[in-house]
Amino acid sequence: MKKLSLHAVRQKFKETHPNVSETIDFTIDDKPDAKVFHIEHPLFQSNKTKRALEKARDAQNDLDMAQALLGDQWDDFEQAGGQAGDVMLMLASLQNELTDTLPDGTPTRR
């Protein structure tokens, strides 16, 4: 069996899915000067983020999940009026996008 390079696998995925970036950038509102927050795309999350999310899942609440995703940005996010539930809605929407079609446009089965 041929040896695989995980780096090459990641690069190939990024090439075949140009609309999927390693981070998800978002703002709380549509104002031109709105602060931009960043979370790791679920497919590219670091082990550190995955561990934090596992702990948050054990607590079973959106607040802990959003804090795990935002990490050091959490305080700024909350001070700017950000809501944990909105982060979870964004992730649910992203998950739907990822499972709706294959790279060639073929619908997936749910």
PDB file of N, CA and C in Angstrom:
ATOM      1  N   MET A   1       0.844  -1.183   0.000  1.00  0.00           N
ATOM      2  CA  MET A   1       0.000   0.000   0.000  1.00  0.00           C
ATOM      3  C   MET A   1       0.890   1.247   0.000  1.00  0.00           C
ATOM      4  N   LYS A   2       0.454   2.220  -0.738  1.00  0.00           N
ATOM      5  CA  LYS A   2       1.187   3.476  -0.869  1.00  0.00           C
ATOM      6  C   LYS A   2       1.091   4.294   0.424  1.00  0.00           C
ATOM      7  N   LYS A   3       2.204   4.918   0.785  1.00  0.00           N
ATOM      8  CA  LYS A   3       2.234   5.780   1.974  1.00  0.00           C
ATOM      9  C   LYS A   3       1.541   7.104   1.650  1.00  0.00           C
ATOM     10  N   LEU A   4       0.646   7.525   2.544  1.00  0.00           N
ATOM     11  CA  LEU A   4      -0.065   8.785   2.367  1.00  0.00           C
ATOM     12  C   LEU A   4       0.579   9.890   3.197  1.00  0.00           C
ATOM     13  N   SER A   5       0.583  11.060   2.654  1.00  0.00           N
ATOM     14  CA  SER A   5       1.008  12.252   3.385  1.00  0.00           C
ATOM     15  C   SER A   5      -0.255  12.985   3.820  1.00  0.00           C
ATOM     16  N   LEU A   6      -0.427  13.160   5.121  1.00  0.00           N
ATOM     17  CA  LEU A   6      -1.610  13.866   5.603  1.00  0.00           C
ATOM     18  C   LEU A   6      -1.632  15.309   5.111  1.00  0.00           C
ATOM     19  N   HIS A   7      -0.457  15.900   4.975  1.00  0.00           N
ATOM     20  CA  HIS A   7      -0.375  17.256   4.427  1.00  0.00           C
ATOM     21  C   HIS A   7      -0.934  17.271   2.999  1.00  0.00           C
ATOM     22  N   ALA A   8      -0.544  16.283   2.201  1.00  0.00           N
ATOM     23  CA  ALA A   8      -1.021  16.212   0.818  1.00  0.00           C
ATOM     24  C   ALA A   8      -2.530  15.972   0.767  1.00  0.00           C
ATOM     25  N   VAL A   9      -3.040  15.158   1.681  1.00  0.00           N
ATOM     26  CA  VAL A   9      -4.483  14.904   1.740  1.00  0.00           C
ATOM     27  C   VAL A   9      -5.226  16.203   2.030  1.00  0.00           C
ATOM     28  N   ARG A  10      -4.713  16.963   2.989  1.00  0.00           N
ATOM     29  CA  ARG A  10      -5.342  18.244   3.348  1.00  0.00           C
ATOM     30  C   ARG A  10      -5.296  19.201   2.158  1.00  0.00           C
ATOM     31  N   GLN A  11      -4.149  19.289   1.502  1.00  0.00           N
ATOM     32  CA  GLN A  11      -4.006  20.192   0.361  1.00  0.00           C
ATOM     33  C   GLN A  11      -4.951  19.794  -0.770  1.00  0.00           C
ATOM     34  N   LYS A  12      -5.066  18.499  -1.025  1.00  0.00           N
ATOM     35  CA  LYS A  12      -5.957  18.012  -2.084  1.00  0.00           C
ATOM     36  C   LYS A  12      -7.403  18.383  -1.758  1.00  0.00           C
ATOM     37  N   PHE A  13      -7.793  18.213  -0.498  1.00  0.00           N
ATOM     38  CA  PHE A  13      -9.150  18.577  -0.094  1.00  0.00           C
ATOM     39  C   PHE A  13      -9.386  20.065  -0.336  1.00  0.00           C
ATOM     40  N   LYS A  14      -8.420  20.888   0.049  1.00  0.00           N
ATOM     41  CA  LYS A  14      -8.565  22.334  -0.121  1.00  0.00           C
ATOM     42  C   LYS A  14      -8.656  22.711  -1.602  1.00  0.00           C
ATOM     43  N   GLU A  15      -7.912  21.996  -2.448  1.00  0.00           N
ATOM     44  CA  GLU A  15      -7.958  22.261  -3.889  1.00  0.00           C
ATOM     45  C   GLU A  15      -9.313  21.889  -4.480  1.00  0.00           C
ATOM     46  N   THR A  16      -9.876  20.779  -4.025  1.00  0.00           N
ATOM     47  CA  THR A  16     -11.144  20.308  -4.578  1.00  0.00           C
ATOM     48  C   THR A  16     -12.360  20.950  -3.915  1.00  0.00           C
ATOM     49  N   HIS A  17     -12.134  21.683  -2.842  1.00  0.00           N
ATOM     50  CA  HIS A  17     -13.208  22.385  -2.135  1.00  0.00           C
ATOM     51  C   HIS A  17     -12.780  23.840  -1.910  1.00  0.00           C
ATOM     52  N   PRO A  18     -12.667  24.619  -2.979  1.00  0.00           N
ATOM     53  CA  PRO A  18     -12.135  25.980  -2.848  1.00  0.00           C
ATOM     54  C   PRO A  18     -12.980  26.908  -1.974  1.00  0.00           C
ATOM     55  N   ASN A  19     -14.219  26.567  -1.740  1.00  0.00           N
ATOM     56  CA  ASN A  19     -15.071  27.416  -0.901  1.00  0.00           C
ATOM     57  C   ASN A  19     -14.952  27.097   0.579  1.00  0.00           C
ATOM     58  N   VAL A  20     -14.150  26.098   0.924  1.00  0.00           N
ATOM     59  CA  VAL A  20     -13.959  25.715   2.328  1.00  0.00           C
ATOM     60  C   VAL A  20     -12.594  26.220   2.778  1.00  0.00           C
ATOM     61  N   SER A  21     -12.585  27.175   3.701  1.00  0.00           N
ATOM     62  CA  SER A  21     -11.313  27.687   4.213  1.00  0.00           C
ATOM     63  C   SER A  21     -11.051  27.096   5.596  1.00  0.00           C
ATOM     64  N   GLU A  22      -9.846  27.248   6.072  1.00  0.00           N
ATOM     65  CA  GLU A  22      -9.478  26.669   7.367  1.00  0.00           C
ATOM     66  C   GLU A  22     -10.129  27.388   8.529  1.00  0.00           C
ATOM     67  N   THR A  23     -10.511  28.638   8.318  1.00  0.00           N
ATOM     68  CA  THR A  23     -11.198  29.379   9.378  1.00  0.00           C
ATOM     69  C   THR A  23     -12.519  29.925   8.852  1.00  0.00           C
ATOM     70  N   ILE A  24     -13.412  30.152   9.783  1.00  0.00           N
ATOM     71  CA  ILE A  24     -14.686  30.791   9.479  1.00  0.00           C
ATOM     72  C   ILE A  24     -14.622  32.174  10.110  1.00  0.00           C
ATOM     73  N   ASP A  25     -14.705  33.186   9.276  1.00  0.00           N
ATOM     74  CA  ASP A  25     -14.661  34.566   9.749  1.00  0.00           C
ATOM     75  C   ASP A  25     -16.087  35.094   9.783  1.00  0.00           C
ATOM     76  N   PHE A  26     -16.436  35.769  10.868  1.00  0.00           N
ATOM     77  CA  PHE A  26     -17.798  36.283  10.993  1.00  0.00           C
ATOM     78  C   PHE A  26     -17.821  37.524  11.868  1.00  0.00           C
ATOM     79  N   THR A  27     -18.887  38.276  11.731  1.00  0.00           N
ATOM     80  CA  THR A  27     -19.124  39.455  12.562  1.00  0.00           C
ATOM     81  C   THR A  27     -20.458  39.274  13.274  1.00  0.00           C
ATOM     82  N   ILE A  28     -20.669  40.051  14.302  1.00  0.00           N
ATOM     83  CA  ILE A  28     -21.930  39.977  15.036  1.00  0.00           C
ATOM     84  C   ILE A  28     -23.027  40.724  14.290  1.00  0.00           C
ATOM     85  N   ASP A  29     -22.653  41.801  13.611  1.00  0.00           N
ATOM     86  CA  ASP A  29     -23.638  42.586  12.870  1.00  0.00           C
ATOM     87  C   ASP A  29     -23.070  42.966  11.510  1.00  0.00           C
ATOM     88  N   ASP A  30     -23.838  43.737  10.750  1.00  0.00           N
ATOM     89  CA  ASP A  30     -23.441  44.102   9.388  1.00  0.00           C
ATOM     90  C   ASP A  30     -22.789  45.473   9.281  1.00  0.00           C
ATOM     91  N   LYS A  31     -22.449  46.078  10.403  1.00  0.00           N
ATOM     92  CA  LYS A  31     -21.831  47.407  10.370  1.00  0.00           C
ATOM     93  C   LYS A  31     -20.463  47.323   9.686  1.00  0.00           C
ATOM     94  N   PRO A  32     -20.091  48.365   8.932  1.00  0.00           N
ATOM     95  CA  PRO A  32     -18.812  48.345   8.218  1.00  0.00           C
ATOM     96  C   PRO A  32     -17.596  48.179   9.141  1.00  0.00           C
ATOM     97  N   ASP A  33     -17.690  48.685  10.363  1.00  0.00           N
ATOM     98  CA  ASP A  33     -16.552  48.606  11.280  1.00  0.00           C
ATOM     99  C   ASP A  33     -16.690  47.460  12.289  1.00  0.00           C
ATOM    100  N   ALA A  34     -17.567  46.510  12.001  1.00  0.00           N
ATOM    101  CA  ALA A  34     -17.795  45.392  12.923  1.00  0.00           C
ATOM    102  C   ALA A  34     -16.524  44.565  13.100  1.00  0.00           C
ATOM    103  N   LYS A  35     -16.263  44.179  14.331  1.00  0.00           N
ATOM    104  CA  LYS A  35     -15.099  43.343  14.634  1.00  0.00           C
ATOM    105  C   LYS A  35     -15.299  41.964  14.011  1.00  0.00           C
ATOM    106  N   VAL A  36     -14.241  41.449  13.413  1.00  0.00           N
ATOM    107  CA  VAL A  36     -14.284  40.131  12.793  1.00  0.00           C
ATOM    108  C   VAL A  36     -13.751  39.104  13.785  1.00  0.00           C
ATOM    109  N   PHE A  37     -14.518  38.047  13.983  1.00  0.00           N
ATOM    110  CA  PHE A  37     -14.117  36.933  14.841  1.00  0.00           C
ATOM    111  C   PHE A  37     -13.796  35.742  13.949  1.00  0.00           C
ATOM    112  N   HIS A  38     -13.014  34.818  14.469  1.00  0.00           N
ATOM    113  CA  HIS A  38     -12.567  33.665  13.688  1.00  0.00           C
ATOM    114  C   HIS A  38     -12.720  32.400  14.526  1.00  0.00           C
ATOM    115  N   ILE A  39     -13.227  31.356  13.899  1.00  0.00           N
ATOM    116  CA  ILE A  39     -13.178  30.030  14.513  1.00  0.00           C
ATOM    117  C   ILE A  39     -12.621  29.070  13.474  1.00  0.00           C
ATOM    118  N   GLU A  40     -12.075  27.976  13.942  1.00  0.00           N
ATOM    119  CA  GLU A  40     -11.549  26.974  13.023  1.00  0.00           C
ATOM    120  C   GLU A  40     -12.711  26.238  12.360  1.00  0.00           C
ATOM    121  N   HIS A  41     -12.576  26.012  11.072  1.00  0.00           N
ATOM    122  CA  HIS A  41     -13.576  25.220  10.363  1.00  0.00           C
ATOM    123  C   HIS A  41     -13.602  23.827  10.996  1.00  0.00           C
ATOM    124  N   PRO A  42     -14.771  23.231  11.175  1.00  0.00           N
ATOM    125  CA  PRO A  42     -14.840  21.911  11.816  1.00  0.00           C
ATOM    126  C   PRO A  42     -13.928  20.856  11.188  1.00  0.00           C
ATOM    127  N   LEU A  43     -13.701  20.924   9.897  1.00  0.00           N
ATOM    128  CA  LEU A  43     -12.821  19.946   9.250  1.00  0.00           C
ATOM    129  C   LEU A  43     -11.346  20.183   9.544  1.00  0.00           C
ATOM    130  N   PHE A  44     -11.006  21.384   9.999  1.00  0.00           N
ATOM    131  CA  PHE A  44      -9.609  21.740  10.222  1.00  0.00           C
ATOM    132  C   PHE A  44      -9.308  22.096  11.676  1.00  0.00           C
ATOM    133  N   GLN A  45     -10.179  21.722  12.590  1.00  0.00           N
ATOM    134  CA  GLN A  45      -9.973  22.076  13.997  1.00  0.00           C
ATOM    135  C   GLN A  45      -8.721  21.414  14.565  1.00  0.00           C
ATOM    136  N   SER A  46      -8.018  22.176  15.375  1.00  0.00           N
ATOM    137  CA  SER A  46      -6.825  21.660  16.045  1.00  0.00           C
ATOM    138  C   SER A  46      -7.240  20.680  17.142  1.00  0.00           C
ATOM    139  N   ASN A  47      -6.296  19.874  17.576  1.00  0.00           N
ATOM    140  CA  ASN A  47      -6.574  18.958  18.690  1.00  0.00           C
ATOM    141  C   ASN A  47      -6.974  19.734  19.934  1.00  0.00           C
ATOM    142  N   LYS A  48      -6.358  20.901  20.148  1.00  0.00           N
ATOM    143  CA  LYS A  48      -6.693  21.728  21.313  1.00  0.00           C
ATOM    144  C   LYS A  48      -8.172  22.121  21.280  1.00  0.00           C
ATOM    145  N   THR A  49      -8.636  22.564  20.128  1.00  0.00           N
ATOM    146  CA  THR A  49     -10.042  22.949  19.998  1.00  0.00           C
ATOM    147  C   THR A  49     -10.950  21.738  20.161  1.00  0.00           C
ATOM    148  N   LYS A  50     -10.572  20.620  19.567  1.00  0.00           N
ATOM    149  CA  LYS A  50     -11.396  19.406  19.689  1.00  0.00           C
ATOM    150  C   LYS A  50     -11.508  18.952  21.146  1.00  0.00           C
ATOM    151  N   ARG A  51     -10.414  19.055  21.891  1.00  0.00           N
ATOM    152  CA  ARG A  51     -10.466  18.683  23.316  1.00  0.00           C
ATOM    153  C   ARG A  51     -11.392  19.622  24.091  1.00  0.00           C
ATOM    154  N   ALA A  52     -11.290  20.909  23.812  1.00  0.00           N
ATOM    155  CA  ALA A  52     -12.154  21.887  24.484  1.00  0.00           C
ATOM    156  C   ALA A  52     -13.619  21.632  24.134  1.00  0.00           C
ATOM    157  N   LEU A  53     -13.883  21.273  22.889  1.00  0.00           N
ATOM    158  CA  LEU A  53     -15.258  20.982  22.482  1.00  0.00           C
ATOM    159  C   LEU A  53     -15.789  19.722  23.153  1.00  0.00           C
ATOM    160  N   GLU A  54     -14.936  18.717  23.310  1.00  0.00           N
ATOM    161  CA  GLU A  54     -15.357  17.491  24.002  1.00  0.00           C
ATOM    162  C   GLU A  54     -15.790  17.799  25.425  1.00  0.00           C
ATOM    163  N   LYS A  55     -15.004  18.610  26.114  1.00  0.00           N
ATOM    164  CA  LYS A  55     -15.368  18.999  27.483  1.00  0.00           C
ATOM    165  C   LYS A  55     -16.678  19.778  27.484  1.00  0.00           C
ATOM    166  N   ALA A  56     -16.842  20.661  26.509  1.00  0.00           N
ATOM    167  CA  ALA A  56     -18.066  21.460  26.422  1.00  0.00           C
ATOM    168  C   ALA A  56     -19.275  20.578  26.116  1.00  0.00           C
ATOM    169  N   ARG A  57     -19.091  19.562  25.278  1.00  0.00           N
ATOM    170  CA  ARG A  57     -20.200  18.649  24.970  1.00  0.00           C
ATOM    171  C   ARG A  57     -20.656  17.915  26.219  1.00  0.00           C
ATOM    172  N   ASP A  58     -19.709  17.584  27.078  1.00  0.00           N
ATOM    173  CA  ASP A  58     -20.063  16.914  28.335  1.00  0.00           C
ATOM    174  C   ASP A  58     -20.974  17.799  29.175  1.00  0.00           C
ATOM    175  N   ALA A  59     -20.747  19.106  29.133  1.00  0.00           N
ATOM    176  CA  ALA A  59     -21.577  20.049  29.891  1.00  0.00           C
ATOM    177  C   ALA A  59     -22.935  20.245  29.216  1.00  0.00           C
ATOM    178  N   GLN A  60     -23.010  19.919  27.939  1.00  0.00           N
ATOM    179  CA  GLN A  60     -24.246  19.974  27.154  1.00  0.00           C
ATOM    180  C   GLN A  60     -24.920  21.345  27.162  1.00  0.00           C
ATOM    181  N   ASN A  61     -24.128  22.386  26.938  1.00  0.00           N
ATOM    182  CA  ASN A  61     -24.772  23.690  26.769  1.00  0.00           C
ATOM    183  C   ASN A  61     -24.033  24.522  25.725  1.00  0.00           C
ATOM    184  N   ASP A  62     -24.807  25.348  25.041  1.00  0.00           N
ATOM    185  CA  ASP A  62     -24.273  26.163  23.950  1.00  0.00           C
ATOM    186  C   ASP A  62     -23.222  27.157  24.410  1.00  0.00           C
ATOM    187  N   LEU A  63     -23.361  27.656  25.612  1.00  0.00           N
ATOM    188  CA  LEU A  63     -22.420  28.648  26.126  1.00  0.00           C
ATOM    189  C   LEU A  63     -21.009  28.065  26.176  1.00  0.00           C
ATOM    190  N   ASP A  64     -20.865  26.887  26.745  1.00  0.00           N
ATOM    191  CA  ASP A  64     -19.547  26.250  26.816  1.00  0.00           C
ATOM    192  C   ASP A  64     -19.015  25.901  25.428  1.00  0.00           C
ATOM    193  N   MET A  65     -19.915  25.482  24.527  1.00  0.00           N
ATOM    194  CA  MET A  65     -19.488  25.144  23.167  1.00  0.00           C
ATOM    195  C   MET A  65     -18.954  26.391  22.450  1.00  0.00           C
ATOM    196  N   ALA A  66     -19.678  27.490  22.540  1.00  0.00           N
ATOM    197  CA  ALA A  66     -19.243  28.726  21.882  1.00  0.00           C
ATOM    198  C   ALA A  66     -17.929  29.222  22.476  1.00  0.00           C
ATOM    199  N   GLN A  67     -17.791  29.134  23.795  1.00  0.00           N
ATOM    200  CA  GLN A  67     -16.537  29.546  24.440  1.00  0.00           C
ATOM    201  C   GLN A  67     -15.384  28.677  23.959  1.00  0.00           C
ATOM    202  N   ALA A  68     -15.619  27.377  23.812  1.00  0.00           N
ATOM    203  CA  ALA A  68     -14.569  26.473  23.335  1.00  0.00           C
ATOM    204  C   ALA A  68     -14.153  26.836  21.911  1.00  0.00           C
ATOM    205  N   LEU A  69     -15.103  27.171  21.082  1.00  0.00           N
ATOM    206  CA  LEU A  69     -14.801  27.520  19.692  1.00  0.00           C
ATOM    207  C   LEU A  69     -14.067  28.849  19.571  1.00  0.00           C
ATOM    208  N   LEU A  70     -14.487  29.817  20.358  1.00  0.00           N
ATOM    209  CA  LEU A  70     -13.902  31.158  20.258  1.00  0.00           C
ATOM    210  C   LEU A  70     -12.613  31.319  21.049  1.00  0.00           C
ATOM    211  N   GLY A  71     -12.407  30.479  22.049  1.00  0.00           N
ATOM    212  CA  GLY A  71     -11.174  30.543  22.825  1.00  0.00           C
ATOM    213  C   GLY A  71     -10.918  31.921  23.399  1.00  0.00           C
ATOM    214  N   ASP A  72      -9.737  32.473  23.114  1.00  0.00           N
ATOM    215  CA  ASP A  72      -9.327  33.772  23.659  1.00  0.00           C
ATOM    216  C   ASP A  72     -10.179  34.942  23.172  1.00  0.00           C
ATOM    217  N   GLN A  73     -10.986  34.726  22.165  1.00  0.00           N
ATOM    218  CA  GLN A  73     -11.839  35.795  21.636  1.00  0.00           C
ATOM    219  C   GLN A  73     -13.154  35.924  22.404  1.00  0.00           C
ATOM    220  N   TRP A  74     -13.439  34.971  23.303  1.00  0.00           N
ATOM    221  CA  TRP A  74     -14.750  34.915  23.948  1.00  0.00           C
ATOM    222  C   TRP A  74     -15.137  36.225  24.635  1.00  0.00           C
ATOM    223  N   ASP A  75     -14.258  36.780  25.445  1.00  0.00           N
ATOM    224  CA  ASP A  75     -14.605  38.001  26.183  1.00  0.00           C
ATOM    225  C   ASP A  75     -14.958  39.144  25.230  1.00  0.00           C
ATOM    226  N   ASP A  76     -14.157  39.329  24.177  1.00  0.00           N
ATOM    227  CA  ASP A  76     -14.450  40.378  23.189  1.00  0.00           C
ATOM    228  C   ASP A  76     -15.780  40.105  22.493  1.00  0.00           C
ATOM    229  N   PHE A  77     -16.020  38.850  22.170  1.00  0.00           N
ATOM    230  CA  PHE A  77     -17.266  38.454  21.513  1.00  0.00           C
ATOM    231  C   PHE A  77     -18.472  38.792  22.384  1.00  0.00           C
ATOM    232  N   GLU A  78     -18.383  38.433  23.644  1.00  0.00           N
ATOM    233  CA  GLU A  78     -19.502  38.679  24.557  1.00  0.00           C
ATOM    234  C   GLU A  78     -19.692  40.184  24.801  1.00  0.00           C
ATOM    235  N   GLN A  79     -18.584  40.913  24.969  1.00  0.00           N
ATOM    236  CA  GLN A  79     -18.670  42.363  25.184  1.00  0.00           C
ATOM    237  C   GLN A  79     -19.268  43.082  23.976  1.00  0.00           C
ATOM    238  N   ALA A  80     -19.065  42.512  22.793  1.00  0.00           N
ATOM    239  CA  ALA A  80     -19.614  43.113  21.576  1.00  0.00           C
ATOM    240  C   ALA A  80     -21.087  42.744  21.373  1.00  0.00           C
ATOM    241  N   GLY A  81     -21.636  41.969  22.302  1.00  0.00           N
ATOM    242  CA  GLY A  81     -23.047  41.586  22.207  1.00  0.00           C
ATOM    243  C   GLY A  81     -23.286  40.234  21.582  1.00  0.00           C
ATOM    244  N   GLY A  82     -22.215  39.478  21.357  1.00  0.00           N
ATOM    245  CA  GLY A  82     -22.354  38.157  20.751  1.00  0.00           C
ATOM    246  C   GLY A  82     -23.107  37.182  21.639  1.00  0.00           C
ATOM    247  N   GLN A  83     -23.870  36.306  21.004  1.00  0.00           N
ATOM    248  CA  GLN A  83     -24.659  35.308  21.708  1.00  0.00           C
ATOM    249  C   GLN A  83     -24.204  33.906  21.307  1.00  0.00           C
ATOM    250  N   ALA A  84     -24.046  33.046  22.290  1.00  0.00           N
ATOM    251  CA  ALA A  84     -23.608  31.671  22.044  1.00  0.00           C
ATOM    252  C   ALA A  84     -24.542  30.954  21.074  1.00  0.00           C
ATOM    253  N   GLY A  85     -25.832  31.168  21.225  1.00  0.00           N
ATOM    254  CA  GLY A  85     -26.801  30.508  20.351  1.00  0.00           C
ATOM    255  C   GLY A  85     -26.608  30.852  18.889  1.00  0.00           C
ATOM    256  N   ASP A  86     -26.187  32.087  18.608  1.00  0.00           N
ATOM    257  CA  ASP A  86     -25.946  32.487  17.221  1.00  0.00           C
ATOM    258  C   ASP A  86     -24.751  31.743  16.631  1.00  0.00           C
ATOM    259  N   VAL A  87     -23.736  31.498  17.442  1.00  0.00           N
ATOM    260  CA  VAL A  87     -22.582  30.718  16.984  1.00  0.00           C
ATOM    261  C   VAL A  87     -23.043  29.302  16.642  1.00  0.00           C
ATOM    262  N   MET A  88     -23.904  28.735  17.475  1.00  0.00           N
ATOM    263  CA  MET A  88     -24.389  27.382  17.229  1.00  0.00           C
ATOM    264  C   MET A  88     -25.261  27.334  15.967  1.00  0.00           C
ATOM    265  N   LEU A  89     -26.065  28.373  15.736  1.00  0.00           N
ATOM    266  CA  LEU A  89     -26.863  28.445  14.501  1.00  0.00           C
ATOM    267  C   LEU A  89     -25.960  28.507  13.272  1.00  0.00           C
ATOM    268  N   MET A  90     -24.874  29.284  13.377  1.00  0.00           N
ATOM    269  CA  MET A  90     -23.930  29.390  12.274  1.00  0.00           C
ATOM    270  C   MET A  90     -23.318  28.023  11.967  1.00  0.00           C
ATOM    271  N   LEU A  91     -22.938  27.290  13.001  1.00  0.00           N
ATOM    272  CA  LEU A  91     -22.353  25.966  12.794  1.00  0.00           C
ATOM    273  C   LEU A  91     -23.363  24.991  12.208  1.00  0.00           C
ATOM    274  N   ALA A  92     -24.603  25.058  12.661  1.00  0.00           N
ATOM    275  CA  ALA A  92     -25.644  24.184  12.115  1.00  0.00           C
ATOM    276  C   ALA A  92     -25.846  24.473  10.627  1.00  0.00           C
ATOM    277  N   SER A  93     -25.840  25.746  10.267  1.00  0.00           N
ATOM    278  CA  SER A  93     -25.984  26.137   8.871  1.00  0.00           C
ATOM    279  C   SER A  93     -24.813  25.615   8.045  1.00  0.00           C
ATOM    280  N   LEU A  94     -23.615  25.744   8.578  1.00  0.00           N
ATOM    281  CA  LEU A  94     -22.424  25.246   7.898  1.00  0.00           C
ATOM    282  C   LEU A  94     -22.498  23.735   7.724  1.00  0.00           C
ATOM    283  N   GLN A  95     -22.922  23.034   8.750  1.00  0.00           N
ATOM    284  CA  GLN A  95     -23.040  21.573   8.678  1.00  0.00           C
ATOM    285  C   GLN A  95     -24.017  21.177   7.574  1.00  0.00           C
ATOM    286  N   ASN A  96     -25.121  21.903   7.461  1.00  0.00           N
ATOM    287  CA  ASN A  96     -26.084  21.619   6.392  1.00  0.00           C
ATOM    288  C   ASN A  96     -25.459  21.828   5.024  1.00  0.00           C
ATOM    289  N   GLU A  97     -24.669  22.881   4.880  1.00  0.00           N
ATOM    290  CA  GLU A  97     -23.996  23.140   3.605  1.00  0.00           C
ATOM    291  C   GLU A  97     -23.037  22.015   3.259  1.00  0.00           C
ATOM    292  N   LEU A  98     -22.305  21.512   4.247  1.00  0.00           N
ATOM    293  CA  LEU A  98     -21.316  20.465   4.004  1.00  0.00           C
ATOM    294  C   LEU A  98     -21.960  19.136   3.653  1.00  0.00           C
ATOM    295  N   THR A  99     -23.150  18.878   4.137  1.00  0.00           N
ATOM    296  CA  THR A  99     -23.778  17.582   3.888  1.00  0.00           C
ATOM    297  C   THR A  99     -24.818  17.627   2.777  1.00  0.00           C
ATOM    298  N   ASP A 100     -25.084  18.796   2.220  1.00  0.00           N
ATOM    299  CA  ASP A 100     -26.096  18.893   1.175  1.00  0.00           C
ATOM    300  C   ASP A 100     -25.631  18.351  -0.171  1.00  0.00           C
ATOM    301  N   THR A 101     -24.351  18.581  -0.523  1.00  0.00           N
ATOM    302  CA  THR A 101     -23.872  18.135  -1.825  1.00  0.00           C
ATOM    303  C   THR A 101     -22.443  17.620  -1.741  1.00  0.00           C
ATOM    304  N   LEU A 102     -22.130  16.736  -2.674  1.00  0.00           N
ATOM    305  CA  LEU A 102     -20.762  16.259  -2.833  1.00  0.00           C
ATOM    306  C   LEU A 102     -20.011  17.274  -3.693  1.00  0.00           C
ATOM    307  N   PRO A 103     -18.669  17.154  -3.783  1.00  0.00           N
ATOM    308  CA  PRO A 103     -17.915  18.124  -4.584  1.00  0.00           C
ATOM    309  C   PRO A 103     -18.416  18.257  -6.025  1.00  0.00           C
ATOM    310  N   ASP A 104     -18.974  17.172  -6.595  1.00  0.00           N
ATOM    311  CA  ASP A 104     -19.472  17.248  -7.971  1.00  0.00           C
ATOM    312  C   ASP A 104     -20.908  17.761  -8.052  1.00  0.00           C
ATOM    313  N   GLY A 105     -21.495  18.127  -6.895  1.00  0.00           N
ATOM    314  CA  GLY A 105     -22.844  18.661  -6.874  1.00  0.00           C
ATOM    315  C   GLY A 105     -23.928  17.635  -6.598  1.00  0.00           C
ATOM    316  N   THR A 106     -23.556  16.366  -6.504  1.00  0.00           N
ATOM    317  CA  THR A 106     -24.524  15.314  -6.216  1.00  0.00           C
ATOM    318  C   THR A 106     -25.031  15.453  -4.785  1.00  0.00           C
ATOM    319  N   PRO A 107     -26.344  15.413  -4.589  1.00  0.00           N
ATOM    320  CA  PRO A 107     -26.869  15.509  -3.214  1.00  0.00           C
ATOM    321  C   PRO A 107     -26.428  14.326  -2.361  1.00  0.00           C
ATOM    322  N   THR A 108     -26.226  14.593  -1.095  1.00  0.00           N
ATOM    323  CA  THR A 108     -25.869  13.521  -0.170  1.00  0.00           C
ATOM    324  C   THR A 108     -27.128  12.966   0.470  1.00  0.00           C
ATOM    325  N   ARG A 109     -26.996  11.791   1.057  1.00  0.00           N
ATOM    326  CA  ARG A 109     -28.105  11.198   1.796  1.00  0.00           C
ATOM    327  C   ARG A 109     -27.963  11.568   3.246  1.00  0.00           C
ATOM    328  N   ARG A 110     -29.072  11.825   3.888  1.00  0.00           N
ATOM    329  CA  ARG A 110     -29.042  12.149   5.310  1.00  0.00           C
ATOM    330  C   ARG A 110     -29.613  11.021   6.091  1.00  0.00           C
TER     331      ARG A 110
END
